Amino acid sequence: MTLQDYTHLFLDFLQENSNNKEPKNLYKPVDYILQLGGKRLRPLLTLISADAFGTEAKKALHAALAVEVFHNFTLLHDDIMDQAPIRRGKPTVHEKWDINTGILSGDVMLINSYQYLEKYKAKTYKKLTAIFSQTAVEVCEGQQYDMDFETRNDVNLSQYMKMIKYKTSVLVAAALQMGAIIAKAAQKEQKEIYNFGISLGLAFQLQDDYLDSFGNVATFGKKIGGDILENKKTWLYIKALETASKSDQVILQSIYNQKAVSESDKIEKVKKLFKKYKIDKLIKKEIKSYSNKALLQLESMELKEKPKAILKDLVYSLEKRNT
């Protein structure tokens, strides 16, 4: 199978499982966010992993859908917490409807994601729900760290990397492990594909951080500079504080803590400091480092050649993505 084959397989299944249920004001927002598009990286990884370990990708469709619905549930609630107006170039759910609808529709998505796993036999179901629940808790912990960091001025890179591991990487890793579980891969193999997913997820999130400041709104699908406006302590910000002169450290912290400055002015001033200390280039080196680690981990695994090659191409394409 090609990546396009996996994508068609999943999108057809997603369409078959679209919600036409009542009450419409609960389920319409669910369909809306699921149909906004996006990379579908996580569900595709579940299908590719199952295939790579020797089982038919279609057997992993319910798990892939569980992962995608859960991921979009987190995005829906994140957008409410961040007061984000745009998701994938379209109005966010709470903007199109309202906050209460967004909360409730998100809640039903979380429940639905677990219901999809009920399609598997007891032994497989138990293993899938164990990793799924562990991941769900870690994603919530990551989100809380992220919010806590907004009001802290002492966040270091180690703490930041732990936060993005929980908020982003663990779900990428779990998506891969779930495919391995369905394929009845050995525990050692499950751990290896999970660790590959952690490295892939970290590279993916760092690229997201880069694009948030230096991407193109037409391709990125979100407002450029959103992390800066929300005072998020991203890798770029923390590295800038580590690298900058004492006077520029004070300026950067002052801009982040300042309320009166205009949005565009705040974004421009912060980006100017990032570029002054070549933080945009330094984060690209960090992304490359995690990508290389992922490739080494992948190379050491015994997998079917075609899906393994697709996973390798995904790592390469991650560094070049602009969405």
Foldseek 3Di string as FASTA:
>chain_A
DALVVLVVLQVVVCVVPQDPDPPCLLRVLLNVLLPLDDDLLLLSLLLLLLVFLPDHSNLCNLLSLLLSLLVSLVVLVVCVVLVFQWDLQHGRSCNVPNDVSSNNSSVVSNVVSLVSLVVDDDVLSVVLVVLVVVLSVLLVVLVVLQLVQLPDDPDAPVSQLSSQLNNWQSSSLSSSLSSCSSSVHDPVQSVLSSVLSSLLRSLLVLVVVLLLLVFDCVQNRGHRCSCQQSSGCHPLNNVLCVQDDPVVVVVLVCLSPDDPDDSVVSSVVNVVSSVVRVSSVVSLVVSVVSLVVSLVSLVVDRTPDNSSVNVNVSSVVSSVGRD
